[in-house]
N, C-alpha and C. Protein backbone atom coordinates (compact mmCIF):
# COMPACT_ATOMS: atom_id res chain seq x y z
N UNK A 1 123.00 99.44 -80.69
CA UNK A 1 123.03 100.54 -79.72
C UNK A 1 123.49 100.01 -78.36
N UNK A 2 124.35 100.78 -77.71
CA UNK A 2 124.88 100.39 -76.41
C UNK A 2 123.77 100.43 -75.34
N UNK A 3 123.71 99.37 -74.54
CA UNK A 3 122.75 99.31 -73.44
C UNK A 3 123.40 99.87 -72.19
N UNK A 4 122.88 100.99 -71.68
CA UNK A 4 123.49 101.65 -70.52
C UNK A 4 122.97 101.12 -69.19
N UNK A 5 121.90 100.34 -69.21
CA UNK A 5 121.28 99.86 -67.98
C UNK A 5 121.99 98.60 -67.49
N UNK A 6 122.94 98.77 -66.57
CA UNK A 6 123.71 97.63 -66.09
C UNK A 6 122.85 96.74 -65.20
N UNK A 7 122.87 95.44 -65.49
CA UNK A 7 122.05 94.48 -64.75
C UNK A 7 122.53 93.06 -65.02
N UNK A 8 122.03 92.12 -64.23
CA UNK A 8 122.24 90.72 -64.56
C UNK A 8 121.58 90.46 -65.91
N UNK A 9 122.20 89.61 -66.70
CA UNK A 9 121.64 89.37 -68.03
C UNK A 9 120.31 88.63 -67.91
N UNK A 10 119.28 89.07 -68.66
CA UNK A 10 117.96 88.44 -68.55
C UNK A 10 117.83 87.11 -69.29
N UNK A 11 118.80 86.74 -70.11
CA UNK A 11 118.69 85.51 -70.90
C UNK A 11 118.86 84.28 -70.02
N UNK A 12 117.82 83.48 -69.90
CA UNK A 12 117.91 82.26 -69.11
C UNK A 12 118.86 81.26 -69.75
N UNK A 13 118.90 81.25 -71.08
CA UNK A 13 119.81 80.35 -71.78
C UNK A 13 121.26 80.67 -71.43
N UNK A 14 121.57 81.95 -71.38
CA UNK A 14 122.94 82.37 -71.04
C UNK A 14 123.25 82.05 -69.57
N UNK A 15 122.29 82.31 -68.70
CA UNK A 15 122.47 82.01 -67.27
C UNK A 15 122.73 80.52 -67.07
N UNK A 16 121.97 79.68 -67.78
CA UNK A 16 122.15 78.23 -67.65
C UNK A 16 123.55 77.80 -68.08
N UNK A 17 124.05 78.42 -69.15
CA UNK A 17 125.40 78.09 -69.62
C UNK A 17 126.45 78.47 -68.58
N UNK A 18 126.26 79.63 -67.94
CA UNK A 18 127.21 80.06 -66.91
C UNK A 18 127.08 79.25 -65.63
N UNK A 19 125.91 78.71 -65.37
CA UNK A 19 125.77 77.82 -64.22
C UNK A 19 126.60 76.56 -64.39
N UNK A 20 126.82 76.17 -65.64
CA UNK A 20 127.63 75.00 -65.95
C UNK A 20 129.12 75.33 -65.96
N UNK A 21 129.46 76.49 -66.57
CA UNK A 21 130.86 76.88 -66.74
C UNK A 21 130.93 78.41 -66.67
N UNK A 22 131.40 78.94 -65.56
CA UNK A 22 131.42 80.40 -65.39
C UNK A 22 132.76 81.00 -65.81
N UNK A 23 133.26 80.50 -66.92
CA UNK A 23 134.51 80.99 -67.51
C UNK A 23 134.38 80.81 -69.02
N UNK A 24 135.37 81.33 -69.75
CA UNK A 24 135.40 81.17 -71.19
C UNK A 24 136.76 80.60 -71.58
N UNK A 25 136.79 79.82 -72.65
CA UNK A 25 138.03 79.17 -73.05
C UNK A 25 138.27 77.92 -72.24
N UNK A 26 139.53 77.68 -71.90
CA UNK A 26 139.88 76.49 -71.12
C UNK A 26 139.43 76.63 -69.67
N UNK A 27 139.29 75.51 -69.00
CA UNK A 27 138.99 75.53 -67.57
C UNK A 27 140.15 76.21 -66.85
N UNK A 28 139.89 77.27 -66.07
CA UNK A 28 140.99 78.01 -65.43
C UNK A 28 141.81 77.17 -64.46
N UNK A 29 141.23 76.12 -63.93
CA UNK A 29 142.00 75.24 -63.02
C UNK A 29 143.11 74.52 -63.77
N UNK A 30 142.85 74.21 -65.04
CA UNK A 30 143.83 73.49 -65.86
C UNK A 30 144.69 74.42 -66.70
N UNK A 31 144.18 75.60 -67.02
CA UNK A 31 144.88 76.52 -67.92
C UNK A 31 146.17 77.02 -67.29
N UNK A 32 147.11 77.39 -68.15
CA UNK A 32 148.38 77.94 -67.70
C UNK A 32 148.42 79.46 -67.82
N UNK A 33 147.51 80.02 -68.61
CA UNK A 33 147.43 81.46 -68.82
C UNK A 33 146.01 81.93 -68.53
N UNK A 34 145.88 82.92 -67.66
CA UNK A 34 144.56 83.46 -67.32
C UNK A 34 144.50 84.93 -67.71
N UNK A 35 143.45 85.28 -68.44
CA UNK A 35 143.11 86.69 -68.67
C UNK A 35 141.93 87.00 -67.76
N UNK A 36 142.12 87.92 -66.84
CA UNK A 36 141.10 88.21 -65.84
C UNK A 36 140.42 89.53 -66.18
N UNK A 37 139.09 89.51 -66.24
CA UNK A 37 138.32 90.69 -66.58
C UNK A 37 137.37 91.09 -65.46
N UNK A 38 136.52 92.03 -65.76
CA UNK A 38 135.64 92.62 -64.76
C UNK A 38 134.32 91.87 -64.62
N UNK A 39 133.58 91.72 -65.72
CA UNK A 39 132.33 90.98 -65.69
C UNK A 39 132.07 90.41 -67.09
N UNK A 40 131.42 89.23 -67.16
CA UNK A 40 131.12 88.62 -68.46
C UNK A 40 129.92 89.32 -69.09
N UNK A 41 130.21 90.38 -69.82
CA UNK A 41 129.18 91.29 -70.31
C UNK A 41 128.76 90.92 -71.73
N UNK A 42 127.46 90.74 -71.92
CA UNK A 42 126.92 90.35 -73.22
C UNK A 42 125.83 91.34 -73.63
N UNK A 43 125.68 91.57 -74.92
CA UNK A 43 124.61 92.43 -75.41
C UNK A 43 123.27 91.90 -74.92
N UNK A 44 122.38 92.81 -74.57
CA UNK A 44 121.09 92.39 -73.99
C UNK A 44 120.28 91.54 -74.97
N UNK A 45 120.50 91.75 -76.26
CA UNK A 45 119.75 91.01 -77.28
C UNK A 45 120.58 89.90 -77.90
N UNK A 46 121.54 89.35 -77.16
CA UNK A 46 122.45 88.35 -77.72
C UNK A 46 121.70 87.12 -78.23
N UNK A 47 120.57 86.77 -77.61
CA UNK A 47 119.81 85.62 -78.08
C UNK A 47 119.25 85.82 -79.47
N UNK A 48 119.03 87.09 -79.86
CA UNK A 48 118.51 87.38 -81.20
C UNK A 48 119.64 87.53 -82.22
N UNK A 49 120.88 87.48 -81.75
CA UNK A 49 122.02 87.67 -82.64
C UNK A 49 122.17 86.48 -83.59
N UNK A 50 122.72 86.77 -84.76
CA UNK A 50 122.98 85.73 -85.76
C UNK A 50 124.02 84.72 -85.27
N UNK A 51 124.79 85.10 -84.25
CA UNK A 51 125.85 84.21 -83.78
C UNK A 51 125.50 83.48 -82.48
N UNK A 52 124.24 83.54 -82.04
CA UNK A 52 123.95 82.97 -80.72
C UNK A 52 124.19 81.47 -80.67
N UNK A 53 123.98 80.75 -81.76
CA UNK A 53 124.30 79.32 -81.76
C UNK A 53 125.80 79.12 -81.54
N UNK A 54 126.61 80.02 -82.12
CA UNK A 54 128.05 79.96 -81.91
C UNK A 54 128.41 80.29 -80.46
N UNK A 55 127.69 81.24 -79.87
CA UNK A 55 127.92 81.59 -78.46
C UNK A 55 127.67 80.38 -77.57
N UNK A 56 126.58 79.68 -77.82
CA UNK A 56 126.26 78.49 -77.02
C UNK A 56 127.32 77.41 -77.20
N UNK A 57 127.76 77.24 -78.44
CA UNK A 57 128.80 76.26 -78.72
C UNK A 57 130.10 76.63 -78.01
N UNK A 58 130.43 77.92 -78.04
CA UNK A 58 131.65 78.41 -77.41
C UNK A 58 131.61 78.23 -75.89
N UNK A 59 130.51 78.63 -75.26
CA UNK A 59 130.43 78.55 -73.80
C UNK A 59 130.38 77.10 -73.32
N UNK A 60 129.91 76.21 -74.17
CA UNK A 60 129.88 74.79 -73.81
C UNK A 60 131.27 74.17 -73.86
N UNK A 61 132.11 74.65 -74.80
CA UNK A 61 133.46 74.10 -74.92
C UNK A 61 134.32 75.09 -75.71
N UNK A 62 134.94 76.02 -75.00
CA UNK A 62 135.72 77.07 -75.65
C UNK A 62 136.97 76.55 -76.34
N UNK A 63 137.57 75.50 -75.80
CA UNK A 63 138.77 74.93 -76.40
C UNK A 63 138.44 74.32 -77.75
N UNK A 64 137.40 73.51 -77.78
CA UNK A 64 136.96 72.88 -79.03
C UNK A 64 136.56 73.93 -80.05
N UNK A 65 135.89 75.00 -79.60
CA UNK A 65 135.46 76.08 -80.49
C UNK A 65 136.65 76.74 -81.18
N UNK A 66 137.68 77.08 -80.41
CA UNK A 66 138.85 77.77 -80.96
C UNK A 66 139.54 76.88 -82.00
N UNK A 67 139.67 75.60 -81.69
CA UNK A 67 140.33 74.68 -82.62
C UNK A 67 139.48 74.46 -83.88
N UNK A 68 138.18 74.45 -83.73
CA UNK A 68 137.28 74.19 -84.87
C UNK A 68 137.21 75.37 -85.83
N UNK A 69 137.07 76.59 -85.27
CA UNK A 69 136.84 77.78 -86.10
C UNK A 69 138.08 78.66 -86.28
N UNK A 70 139.12 78.35 -85.53
CA UNK A 70 140.37 79.12 -85.56
C UNK A 70 140.17 80.58 -85.15
N UNK A 71 139.20 80.83 -84.30
CA UNK A 71 139.02 82.13 -83.65
C UNK A 71 138.78 81.83 -82.17
N UNK A 72 139.31 82.68 -81.30
CA UNK A 72 139.24 82.36 -79.86
C UNK A 72 137.90 82.73 -79.25
N UNK A 73 137.06 83.49 -79.98
CA UNK A 73 135.78 83.95 -79.42
C UNK A 73 134.78 84.20 -80.55
N UNK A 74 133.49 83.91 -80.34
CA UNK A 74 132.48 84.13 -81.39
C UNK A 74 132.31 85.59 -81.79
N UNK A 75 132.71 86.54 -80.94
CA UNK A 75 132.61 87.96 -81.31
C UNK A 75 133.49 88.30 -82.51
N UNK A 76 134.43 87.43 -82.84
CA UNK A 76 135.30 87.67 -83.99
C UNK A 76 134.68 87.20 -85.29
N UNK A 77 133.53 86.57 -85.20
CA UNK A 77 132.84 86.11 -86.41
C UNK A 77 132.38 87.31 -87.23
N UNK A 78 132.52 87.28 -88.56
CA UNK A 78 132.14 88.44 -89.39
C UNK A 78 130.68 88.83 -89.30
N UNK A 79 129.81 87.94 -88.84
CA UNK A 79 128.39 88.27 -88.72
C UNK A 79 128.08 89.07 -87.45
N UNK A 80 129.09 89.25 -86.59
CA UNK A 80 128.87 89.98 -85.34
C UNK A 80 129.59 91.31 -85.37
N UNK A 81 128.90 92.36 -84.95
CA UNK A 81 129.52 93.68 -84.91
C UNK A 81 129.01 94.46 -83.69
N UNK A 82 128.82 93.76 -82.58
CA UNK A 82 128.24 94.40 -81.40
C UNK A 82 129.25 94.60 -80.29
N UNK A 83 128.71 94.75 -79.07
CA UNK A 83 129.52 94.99 -77.88
C UNK A 83 130.51 93.83 -77.67
N UNK A 84 131.70 94.18 -77.27
CA UNK A 84 132.71 93.17 -76.98
C UNK A 84 133.65 92.85 -78.13
N UNK A 85 133.30 93.26 -79.33
CA UNK A 85 134.13 92.92 -80.48
C UNK A 85 135.50 93.61 -80.41
N UNK A 86 135.51 94.87 -79.97
CA UNK A 86 136.77 95.61 -79.88
C UNK A 86 137.73 94.93 -78.92
N UNK A 87 137.22 94.48 -77.80
CA UNK A 87 138.03 93.79 -76.79
C UNK A 87 138.69 92.55 -77.38
N UNK A 88 137.89 91.72 -78.04
CA UNK A 88 138.43 90.46 -78.54
C UNK A 88 139.23 90.65 -79.82
N UNK A 89 138.97 91.71 -80.56
CA UNK A 89 139.85 92.04 -81.68
C UNK A 89 141.26 92.33 -81.19
N UNK A 90 141.35 93.06 -80.06
CA UNK A 90 142.67 93.37 -79.49
C UNK A 90 143.39 92.09 -79.07
N UNK A 91 142.66 91.18 -78.41
CA UNK A 91 143.27 89.92 -78.00
C UNK A 91 143.72 89.11 -79.21
N UNK A 92 142.94 89.17 -80.29
CA UNK A 92 143.32 88.43 -81.50
C UNK A 92 144.64 88.94 -82.07
N UNK A 93 144.97 90.21 -81.77
CA UNK A 93 146.23 90.77 -82.28
C UNK A 93 147.45 90.27 -81.51
N UNK A 94 147.21 89.44 -80.49
CA UNK A 94 148.32 88.75 -79.84
C UNK A 94 148.85 87.63 -80.75
N UNK A 95 148.03 87.27 -81.75
CA UNK A 95 148.42 86.26 -82.74
C UNK A 95 148.77 84.92 -82.10
N UNK A 96 147.95 84.52 -81.15
CA UNK A 96 148.15 83.23 -80.49
C UNK A 96 147.52 82.13 -81.34
N UNK A 97 148.23 81.04 -81.51
CA UNK A 97 147.75 79.93 -82.34
C UNK A 97 146.76 79.07 -81.55
N UNK A 98 145.88 78.37 -82.29
CA UNK A 98 144.84 77.59 -81.61
C UNK A 98 145.39 76.32 -80.95
N UNK A 99 146.68 76.02 -81.14
CA UNK A 99 147.25 74.90 -80.39
C UNK A 99 147.44 75.24 -78.92
N UNK A 100 147.23 76.54 -78.58
CA UNK A 100 147.28 76.97 -77.18
C UNK A 100 145.89 77.04 -76.54
N UNK A 101 144.88 76.61 -77.27
CA UNK A 101 143.49 76.77 -76.81
C UNK A 101 143.25 76.15 -75.44
N UNK A 102 143.87 75.01 -75.17
CA UNK A 102 143.64 74.36 -73.88
C UNK A 102 144.52 74.92 -72.77
N UNK A 103 145.33 75.93 -73.10
CA UNK A 103 146.22 76.55 -72.11
C UNK A 103 145.71 77.92 -71.65
N UNK A 104 144.69 78.46 -72.33
CA UNK A 104 144.29 79.85 -72.10
C UNK A 104 142.83 79.94 -71.64
N UNK A 105 142.61 80.67 -70.56
CA UNK A 105 141.27 80.82 -70.00
C UNK A 105 140.96 82.30 -69.79
N UNK A 106 139.68 82.63 -69.94
CA UNK A 106 139.19 83.98 -69.69
C UNK A 106 138.19 83.89 -68.54
N UNK A 107 138.44 84.65 -67.49
CA UNK A 107 137.58 84.60 -66.31
C UNK A 107 137.43 86.01 -65.75
N UNK A 108 136.29 86.27 -65.13
CA UNK A 108 136.02 87.61 -64.61
C UNK A 108 135.80 87.57 -63.10
N UNK A 109 135.81 88.76 -62.48
CA UNK A 109 135.62 88.80 -61.03
C UNK A 109 134.14 88.66 -60.65
N UNK A 110 133.24 88.80 -61.61
CA UNK A 110 131.83 88.43 -61.42
C UNK A 110 131.60 87.15 -62.22
N UNK A 111 130.96 86.18 -61.61
CA UNK A 111 130.85 84.86 -62.21
C UNK A 111 129.54 84.55 -62.89
N UNK A 112 128.71 85.55 -63.10
CA UNK A 112 127.45 85.33 -63.84
C UNK A 112 127.31 86.40 -64.91
N UNK A 113 126.54 86.13 -65.98
CA UNK A 113 126.49 87.06 -67.11
C UNK A 113 125.75 88.35 -66.78
N UNK A 114 126.28 89.44 -67.34
CA UNK A 114 125.71 90.77 -67.14
C UNK A 114 125.45 91.42 -68.49
N UNK A 115 124.81 92.58 -68.44
CA UNK A 115 124.62 93.39 -69.64
C UNK A 115 124.60 94.86 -69.22
N UNK A 116 124.92 95.74 -70.16
CA UNK A 116 124.95 97.16 -69.84
C UNK A 116 126.31 97.62 -69.35
N UNK A 117 126.42 98.92 -69.11
CA UNK A 117 127.70 99.53 -68.75
C UNK A 117 127.86 99.64 -67.23
N UNK A 118 128.71 98.81 -66.68
CA UNK A 118 128.92 98.82 -65.23
C UNK A 118 129.52 100.14 -64.76
N UNK A 119 130.27 100.80 -65.64
CA UNK A 119 130.92 102.06 -65.25
C UNK A 119 129.91 103.16 -64.95
N UNK A 120 128.65 102.97 -65.37
CA UNK A 120 127.61 103.95 -65.09
C UNK A 120 126.81 103.61 -63.84
N UNK A 121 127.14 102.48 -63.21
CA UNK A 121 126.41 102.07 -62.01
C UNK A 121 127.34 101.29 -61.08
N UNK A 122 128.30 102.00 -60.47
CA UNK A 122 129.27 101.35 -59.60
C UNK A 122 128.59 100.68 -58.40
N UNK A 123 127.53 101.31 -57.88
CA UNK A 123 126.84 100.76 -56.72
C UNK A 123 126.29 99.36 -57.03
N UNK A 124 125.62 99.24 -58.17
CA UNK A 124 125.05 97.94 -58.55
C UNK A 124 126.16 96.92 -58.80
N UNK A 125 127.22 97.36 -59.48
CA UNK A 125 128.33 96.45 -59.74
C UNK A 125 128.91 95.91 -58.43
N UNK A 126 129.14 96.79 -57.46
CA UNK A 126 129.72 96.35 -56.19
C UNK A 126 128.78 95.43 -55.43
N UNK A 127 127.48 95.66 -55.57
CA UNK A 127 126.51 94.76 -54.93
C UNK A 127 126.59 93.37 -55.53
N UNK A 128 126.66 93.30 -56.86
CA UNK A 128 126.82 92.00 -57.51
C UNK A 128 128.13 91.34 -57.11
N UNK A 129 129.19 92.14 -57.07
CA UNK A 129 130.52 91.64 -56.78
C UNK A 129 130.57 90.94 -55.42
N UNK A 130 129.93 91.55 -54.41
CA UNK A 130 129.98 91.01 -53.05
C UNK A 130 128.74 90.21 -52.68
N UNK A 131 127.92 89.89 -53.66
CA UNK A 131 126.66 89.18 -53.39
C UNK A 131 126.93 87.73 -52.99
N UNK A 132 126.01 87.13 -52.23
CA UNK A 132 126.15 85.71 -51.90
C UNK A 132 126.28 84.84 -53.14
N UNK A 133 125.61 85.24 -54.22
CA UNK A 133 125.67 84.48 -55.47
C UNK A 133 127.09 84.43 -56.05
N UNK A 134 127.89 85.46 -55.73
CA UNK A 134 129.24 85.55 -56.30
C UNK A 134 130.33 85.09 -55.33
N UNK A 135 129.95 84.75 -54.10
CA UNK A 135 130.94 84.47 -53.05
C UNK A 135 131.86 83.31 -53.41
N UNK A 136 131.29 82.18 -53.80
CA UNK A 136 132.11 81.01 -54.10
C UNK A 136 133.01 81.26 -55.31
N UNK A 137 132.50 82.04 -56.26
CA UNK A 137 133.31 82.38 -57.43
C UNK A 137 134.56 83.16 -57.01
N UNK A 138 134.40 84.11 -56.11
CA UNK A 138 135.54 84.89 -55.64
C UNK A 138 136.53 84.03 -54.87
N UNK A 139 136.03 83.10 -54.09
CA UNK A 139 136.91 82.21 -53.33
C UNK A 139 137.76 81.37 -54.28
N UNK A 140 137.12 80.83 -55.32
CA UNK A 140 137.85 80.01 -56.29
C UNK A 140 138.83 80.86 -57.09
N UNK A 141 138.42 82.08 -57.43
CA UNK A 141 139.30 82.98 -58.18
C UNK A 141 140.53 83.34 -57.36
N UNK A 142 140.35 83.56 -56.07
CA UNK A 142 141.48 83.87 -55.19
C UNK A 142 142.50 82.74 -55.22
N UNK A 143 142.03 81.50 -55.20
CA UNK A 143 142.93 80.35 -55.27
C UNK A 143 143.71 80.36 -56.59
N UNK A 144 143.01 80.65 -57.68
CA UNK A 144 143.65 80.67 -58.99
C UNK A 144 144.74 81.74 -59.07
N UNK A 145 144.44 82.91 -58.51
CA UNK A 145 145.40 84.02 -58.59
C UNK A 145 146.58 83.83 -57.64
N UNK A 146 146.48 82.85 -56.77
CA UNK A 146 147.59 82.53 -55.87
C UNK A 146 148.41 81.34 -56.36
N UNK A 147 148.09 80.85 -57.55
CA UNK A 147 148.83 79.72 -58.13
C UNK A 147 150.06 80.26 -58.84
N UNK A 148 151.26 80.00 -58.32
CA UNK A 148 152.48 80.57 -58.90
C UNK A 148 152.85 79.98 -60.26
N UNK A 149 152.19 78.88 -60.65
CA UNK A 149 152.50 78.24 -61.92
C UNK A 149 151.74 78.86 -63.09
N UNK A 150 150.76 79.70 -62.77
CA UNK A 150 149.96 80.31 -63.83
C UNK A 150 150.53 81.67 -64.22
N UNK A 151 150.33 82.01 -65.46
CA UNK A 151 150.68 83.33 -65.98
C UNK A 151 149.38 84.13 -66.04
N UNK A 152 149.31 85.22 -65.29
CA UNK A 152 148.03 85.90 -65.07
C UNK A 152 148.10 87.33 -65.58
N UNK A 153 147.13 87.70 -66.43
CA UNK A 153 147.07 89.03 -67.01
C UNK A 153 145.80 89.74 -66.52
N UNK A 154 145.99 90.93 -65.93
CA UNK A 154 144.88 91.72 -65.42
C UNK A 154 144.99 93.14 -65.97
N UNK A 155 143.86 93.69 -66.38
CA UNK A 155 143.92 95.07 -66.82
C UNK A 155 144.03 95.98 -65.60
N UNK A 156 144.61 97.13 -65.84
CA UNK A 156 144.99 98.08 -64.79
C UNK A 156 143.88 98.35 -63.77
N UNK A 157 142.66 98.57 -64.25
CA UNK A 157 141.56 98.96 -63.37
C UNK A 157 141.15 97.90 -62.37
N UNK A 158 141.54 96.64 -62.59
CA UNK A 158 141.15 95.58 -61.65
C UNK A 158 141.86 95.70 -60.31
N UNK A 159 142.99 96.40 -60.29
CA UNK A 159 143.73 96.51 -59.03
C UNK A 159 142.85 97.10 -57.93
N UNK A 160 142.12 98.16 -58.25
CA UNK A 160 141.26 98.80 -57.24
C UNK A 160 140.14 97.87 -56.79
N UNK A 161 139.58 97.10 -57.72
CA UNK A 161 138.51 96.18 -57.35
C UNK A 161 139.03 95.07 -56.44
N UNK A 162 140.21 94.54 -56.74
CA UNK A 162 140.77 93.48 -55.90
C UNK A 162 141.13 94.01 -54.51
N UNK A 163 141.60 95.25 -54.44
CA UNK A 163 141.84 95.88 -53.14
C UNK A 163 140.52 96.06 -52.37
N UNK A 164 139.48 96.46 -53.08
CA UNK A 164 138.16 96.64 -52.47
C UNK A 164 137.63 95.32 -51.91
N UNK A 165 137.73 94.26 -52.72
CA UNK A 165 137.27 92.94 -52.26
C UNK A 165 138.06 92.51 -51.03
N UNK A 166 139.36 92.78 -51.04
CA UNK A 166 140.20 92.42 -49.89
C UNK A 166 139.73 93.12 -48.62
N UNK A 167 139.42 94.41 -48.74
CA UNK A 167 138.96 95.16 -47.56
C UNK A 167 137.65 94.60 -47.02
N UNK A 168 136.81 94.13 -47.92
CA UNK A 168 135.48 93.67 -47.51
C UNK A 168 135.47 92.20 -47.08
N UNK A 169 136.36 91.38 -47.65
CA UNK A 169 136.27 89.94 -47.42
C UNK A 169 137.56 89.29 -46.94
N UNK A 170 138.70 89.97 -47.11
CA UNK A 170 139.98 89.36 -46.77
C UNK A 170 140.59 88.56 -47.91
N UNK A 171 139.84 88.35 -49.00
CA UNK A 171 140.37 87.64 -50.17
C UNK A 171 141.34 88.55 -50.93
N UNK A 172 142.13 87.93 -51.79
CA UNK A 172 143.08 88.65 -52.66
C UNK A 172 144.07 89.48 -51.84
N UNK A 173 144.57 88.87 -50.79
CA UNK A 173 145.50 89.56 -49.89
C UNK A 173 146.75 90.05 -50.61
N UNK A 174 147.21 89.30 -51.62
CA UNK A 174 148.45 89.65 -52.29
C UNK A 174 148.35 90.98 -53.04
N UNK A 175 147.11 91.46 -53.26
CA UNK A 175 146.93 92.72 -53.96
C UNK A 175 146.71 93.90 -53.00
N UNK A 176 146.58 93.62 -51.72
CA UNK A 176 146.19 94.64 -50.75
C UNK A 176 147.18 95.80 -50.70
N UNK A 177 148.46 95.48 -50.77
CA UNK A 177 149.48 96.52 -50.64
C UNK A 177 150.22 96.79 -51.95
N UNK A 178 149.62 96.39 -53.04
CA UNK A 178 150.23 96.62 -54.35
C UNK A 178 150.29 98.11 -54.64
N UNK A 179 151.46 98.59 -55.01
CA UNK A 179 151.67 100.02 -55.24
C UNK A 179 151.51 100.35 -56.72
N UNK A 180 150.38 100.93 -57.07
CA UNK A 180 150.14 101.30 -58.46
C UNK A 180 151.08 102.40 -58.92
N UNK A 181 151.53 103.23 -57.99
CA UNK A 181 152.38 104.36 -58.37
C UNK A 181 153.73 103.91 -58.92
N UNK A 182 154.11 102.68 -58.63
CA UNK A 182 155.40 102.18 -59.10
C UNK A 182 155.31 101.60 -60.51
N UNK A 183 154.11 101.62 -61.09
CA UNK A 183 153.90 101.00 -62.39
C UNK A 183 153.65 102.04 -63.48
N UNK A 184 153.90 101.63 -64.71
CA UNK A 184 153.63 102.45 -65.88
C UNK A 184 152.32 101.99 -66.50
N UNK A 185 151.31 102.83 -66.43
CA UNK A 185 149.97 102.43 -66.85
C UNK A 185 149.88 102.08 -68.34
N UNK A 186 150.75 102.65 -69.15
CA UNK A 186 150.69 102.41 -70.60
C UNK A 186 151.58 101.26 -71.05
N UNK A 187 152.26 100.61 -70.10
CA UNK A 187 153.19 99.54 -70.45
C UNK A 187 152.71 98.23 -69.82
N UNK A 188 153.47 97.16 -70.03
CA UNK A 188 153.21 95.89 -69.38
C UNK A 188 154.04 95.83 -68.11
N UNK A 189 153.37 95.66 -66.97
CA UNK A 189 154.03 95.63 -65.67
C UNK A 189 153.96 94.22 -65.10
N UNK A 190 155.11 93.72 -64.65
CA UNK A 190 155.17 92.36 -64.13
C UNK A 190 155.49 92.37 -62.64
N UNK A 191 154.66 91.66 -61.86
CA UNK A 191 154.91 91.48 -60.43
C UNK A 191 154.82 89.98 -60.18
N UNK A 192 155.97 89.32 -60.11
CA UNK A 192 155.98 87.87 -60.00
C UNK A 192 155.43 87.24 -61.27
N UNK A 193 154.39 86.43 -61.11
CA UNK A 193 153.76 85.78 -62.27
C UNK A 193 152.51 86.53 -62.75
N UNK A 194 152.33 87.76 -62.26
CA UNK A 194 151.14 88.53 -62.60
C UNK A 194 151.54 89.77 -63.40
N UNK A 195 150.78 90.01 -64.47
CA UNK A 195 151.05 91.12 -65.38
C UNK A 195 149.87 92.09 -65.38
N UNK A 196 150.18 93.39 -65.36
CA UNK A 196 149.15 94.41 -65.40
C UNK A 196 149.33 95.23 -66.68
N UNK A 197 148.22 95.54 -67.31
CA UNK A 197 148.28 96.21 -68.61
C UNK A 197 147.03 97.07 -68.81
N UNK A 198 147.06 97.89 -69.84
CA UNK A 198 145.90 98.70 -70.18
C UNK A 198 144.77 97.79 -70.71
N UNK A 199 143.54 98.20 -70.50
CA UNK A 199 142.38 97.41 -70.92
C UNK A 199 142.42 97.16 -72.42
N UNK A 200 142.04 95.94 -72.81
CA UNK A 200 142.11 95.56 -74.23
C UNK A 200 141.21 96.40 -75.13
N UNK A 201 140.16 96.96 -74.59
CA UNK A 201 139.26 97.75 -75.43
C UNK A 201 139.45 99.26 -75.24
N UNK A 202 140.51 99.64 -74.53
CA UNK A 202 140.73 101.06 -74.24
C UNK A 202 142.10 101.52 -74.70
N UNK A 203 142.40 101.23 -75.95
CA UNK A 203 143.60 101.78 -76.56
C UNK A 203 144.89 101.15 -76.12
N UNK A 204 144.89 99.86 -75.82
CA UNK A 204 146.15 99.19 -75.49
C UNK A 204 147.08 99.29 -76.70
N UNK A 205 148.34 99.56 -76.45
CA UNK A 205 149.28 99.84 -77.53
C UNK A 205 149.75 98.57 -78.23
N UNK A 206 150.11 98.68 -79.51
CA UNK A 206 150.69 97.53 -80.21
C UNK A 206 151.93 96.98 -79.51
N UNK A 207 152.71 97.87 -78.88
CA UNK A 207 153.92 97.43 -78.19
C UNK A 207 153.57 96.60 -76.96
N UNK A 208 152.54 96.99 -76.22
CA UNK A 208 152.11 96.19 -75.06
C UNK A 208 151.58 94.84 -75.51
N UNK A 209 150.80 94.83 -76.58
CA UNK A 209 150.30 93.56 -77.12
C UNK A 209 151.46 92.67 -77.53
N UNK A 210 152.47 93.25 -78.14
CA UNK A 210 153.65 92.48 -78.56
C UNK A 210 154.34 91.86 -77.34
N UNK A 211 154.47 92.63 -76.27
CA UNK A 211 155.12 92.13 -75.06
C UNK A 211 154.32 90.99 -74.42
N UNK A 212 152.99 91.15 -74.38
CA UNK A 212 152.14 90.08 -73.83
C UNK A 212 152.31 88.81 -74.65
N UNK A 213 152.27 88.95 -75.96
CA UNK A 213 152.42 87.80 -76.85
C UNK A 213 153.74 87.10 -76.62
N UNK A 214 154.81 87.84 -76.49
CA UNK A 214 156.14 87.25 -76.26
C UNK A 214 156.17 86.50 -74.95
N UNK A 215 155.60 87.08 -73.90
CA UNK A 215 155.58 86.42 -72.59
C UNK A 215 154.86 85.07 -72.67
N UNK A 216 153.72 85.04 -73.36
CA UNK A 216 152.95 83.80 -73.45
C UNK A 216 153.68 82.77 -74.31
N UNK A 217 154.16 83.19 -75.45
CA UNK A 217 154.86 82.25 -76.33
C UNK A 217 156.11 81.68 -75.66
N UNK A 218 156.84 82.53 -74.93
CA UNK A 218 158.04 82.06 -74.25
C UNK A 218 157.73 81.04 -73.16
N UNK A 219 156.54 81.16 -72.58
CA UNK A 219 156.17 80.21 -71.52
C UNK A 219 156.07 78.79 -72.07
N UNK A 220 155.71 78.67 -73.34
CA UNK A 220 155.50 77.33 -73.91
C UNK A 220 156.58 76.92 -74.91
N UNK A 221 157.63 77.74 -75.00
CA UNK A 221 158.69 77.41 -75.96
C UNK A 221 159.79 76.57 -75.30
């Protein structure tokens, strides 16, 4: 059952893992491809899940996990059928090989684990986003998104959040004047080294997935 109460995740084990590495997959400083999301959202009962040992293994070393199990995320394991599976199923349809594991990182604009539906509590989400606990994460993320050597993929809805953060903090200046009206929401839009697309769990089209896959594969060919 979906947990509607958006909050910081209560699992101390999960919090400890994020204190060590507040990203998934490769280290974003070293990665060449970044998928940027909203918040690292986990089912509230993830510790009771049959895959929690895999989750711990994954968060400790996402590159090693992908190469070992040939899946980029534990949510793709057949024993899991909870929140987040649809999102990562869509990413799996990019058909990226595990030899790219050390090139691909997943990072969010909130740097600590959450649970519940943020869309039902924008006020709480924005408080977490601009909290002192998240400040250094945003500063580091801004540096990453200003690296012209990286290939960066953001879902459409992040544009408004990055504009909001810019108004409040001055970070993410390059997004301040980005014109959403000039883009096609259902397609893949490229602005320099940054790509905007429909959310992976909200009906992203096979054609957009194909285009993303081609862009990534061409980067390493």
